[in-house]
Amino acid sequence: MHDSLSANLMLTGALLLGFCGMAWLALSMQAHAQQVWQRQPSPAVLRLLRILGGCSIGAALVLCLSVDHATMAVLVWVMALSGGALLVAFTLSSRPQRLRVLAPWIS
């Protein structure tokens, strides 16, 4: 295992990537995109958001695997994704416009 500072930084990065990945996947859905931007982004933009979400979730797994052994890393990764999904759901239900910061190129 790495020293505690780098391990903590990698786990923090995994948490952020998990949140961003879940948010980008949510924003790639037409209903949530409508909530956030009050219009439908193009299919190419939705596809880009889907790709960003998948890559971000995969990168979060890689960071978790680099910190701990596989069984613990997968557990931490699933918990990070669950927490990220919950935070995205709460944000979409209360202040969906705050998720615009994750896709500033969409206006």
Protein backbone atom coordinates (compact mmCIF):
# COMPACT_ATOMS: atom_id res chain seq x y z
CA MET A 1 0.00 0.00 0.00
CA HIS A 2 1.18 3.55 -0.71
CA ASP A 3 1.91 6.11 1.93
CA SER A 4 -1.22 7.55 3.47
CA LEU A 5 -1.13 10.97 1.78
CA SER A 6 -0.98 9.62 -1.76
CA ALA A 7 -3.54 6.93 -0.91
CA ASN A 8 -5.90 9.57 0.48
CA LEU A 9 -5.41 11.76 -2.58
CA MET A 10 -6.13 8.85 -4.91
CA LEU A 11 -9.25 7.89 -2.97
CA THR A 12 -10.42 11.51 -3.01
CA GLY A 13 -9.85 11.55 -6.76
CA ALA A 14 -11.85 8.33 -7.06
CA LEU A 15 -14.73 9.90 -5.14
CA LEU A 16 -14.68 12.99 -7.36
CA LEU A 17 -14.47 10.90 -10.52
CA GLY A 18 -17.33 8.72 -9.29
CA PHE A 19 -19.51 11.77 -8.70
CA CYS A 20 -18.58 13.36 -12.04
CA GLY A 21 -19.13 10.08 -13.87
CA MET A 22 -22.58 9.61 -12.39
CA ALA A 23 -23.46 13.24 -13.10
CA TRP A 24 -22.32 12.99 -16.72
CA LEU A 25 -24.29 9.78 -17.18
CA ALA A 26 -27.37 11.46 -15.71
CA LEU A 27 -26.87 14.53 -17.91
CA SER A 28 -26.64 12.27 -20.97
CA MET A 29 -30.30 11.34 -20.42
CA GLN A 30 -32.76 13.57 -22.22
CA ALA A 31 -35.01 14.10 -19.19
CA HIS A 32 -32.18 15.28 -16.96
CA ALA A 33 -30.60 17.40 -19.70
CA GLN A 34 -33.97 19.11 -20.10
CA GLN A 35 -34.05 19.76 -16.34
CA VAL A 36 -30.58 21.32 -16.32
CA TRP A 37 -30.56 23.32 -19.56
CA GLN A 38 -34.30 23.71 -20.31
CA ARG A 39 -33.61 22.37 -23.80
CA GLN A 40 -32.34 19.23 -25.46
CA PRO A 41 -28.64 19.12 -26.31
CA SER A 42 -27.68 17.52 -29.60
CA PRO A 43 -27.26 13.73 -29.80
CA ALA A 44 -23.49 14.21 -30.24
CA VAL A 45 -23.30 16.14 -26.96
CA LEU A 46 -25.32 13.47 -25.16
CA ARG A 47 -22.99 10.81 -26.58
CA LEU A 48 -19.95 12.78 -25.38
CA LEU A 49 -21.45 13.03 -21.89
CA ARG A 50 -22.05 9.27 -21.89
CA ILE A 51 -18.46 8.60 -22.92
CA LEU A 52 -17.12 11.01 -20.28
CA GLY A 53 -19.27 9.31 -17.64
CA GLY A 54 -18.07 5.84 -18.54
CA CYS A 55 -14.41 6.86 -18.68
CA SER A 56 -14.70 8.69 -15.38
CA ILE A 57 -16.22 5.67 -13.65
CA GLY A 58 -13.51 3.45 -15.11
CA ALA A 59 -10.79 5.86 -13.96
CA ALA A 60 -12.29 5.82 -10.46
CA LEU A 61 -11.95 2.03 -10.44
CA VAL A 62 -8.32 2.26 -11.55
CA LEU A 63 -7.57 4.71 -8.73
CA CYS A 64 -9.25 2.45 -6.18
CA LEU A 65 -7.31 -0.56 -7.46
CA SER A 66 -4.04 1.34 -7.17
CA VAL A 67 -4.66 2.01 -3.48
CA ASP A 68 -5.84 -1.35 -2.17
CA HIS A 69 -6.20 -5.02 -3.04
CA ALA A 70 -8.93 -5.93 -5.53
CA THR A 71 -11.68 -7.02 -3.15
CA MET A 72 -11.43 -3.92 -0.96
CA ALA A 73 -10.93 -1.64 -3.98
CA VAL A 74 -14.10 -2.86 -5.66
CA LEU A 75 -16.05 -2.37 -2.43
CA VAL A 76 -14.76 1.20 -2.06
CA TRP A 77 -15.46 1.86 -5.76
CA VAL A 78 -19.08 0.65 -5.51
CA MET A 79 -19.61 2.72 -2.38
CA ALA A 80 -18.13 5.80 -4.09
CA LEU A 81 -20.43 5.32 -7.07
CA SER A 82 -23.43 4.84 -4.80
CA GLY A 83 -22.63 8.02 -2.89
CA GLY A 84 -22.05 9.91 -6.13
CA ALA A 85 -25.35 8.69 -7.57
CA LEU A 86 -27.18 9.73 -4.41
CA LEU A 87 -25.60 13.18 -4.48
CA VAL A 88 -26.50 13.60 -8.16
CA ALA A 89 -30.09 12.52 -7.46
CA PHE A 90 -30.42 15.03 -4.61
CA THR A 91 -28.93 17.77 -6.79
CA LEU A 92 -31.29 16.98 -9.66
CA SER A 93 -34.28 17.07 -7.34
CA SER A 94 -33.42 20.36 -5.65
CA ARG A 95 -31.09 22.52 -7.80
CA PRO A 96 -30.46 20.85 -11.17
CA GLN A 97 -28.82 23.96 -12.66
CA ARG A 98 -25.82 23.41 -10.37
CA LEU A 99 -24.78 20.47 -12.54
CA ARG A 100 -24.13 22.86 -15.43
CA VAL A 101 -20.63 23.38 -14.05
CA LEU A 102 -19.73 19.82 -15.15
CA ALA A 103 -20.48 20.62 -18.81
CA PRO A 104 -19.64 24.30 -19.35
CA TRP A 105 -19.39 23.90 -23.13
CA ILE A 106 -23.18 23.39 -23.27
CA SER A 107 -24.93 26.73 -23.12
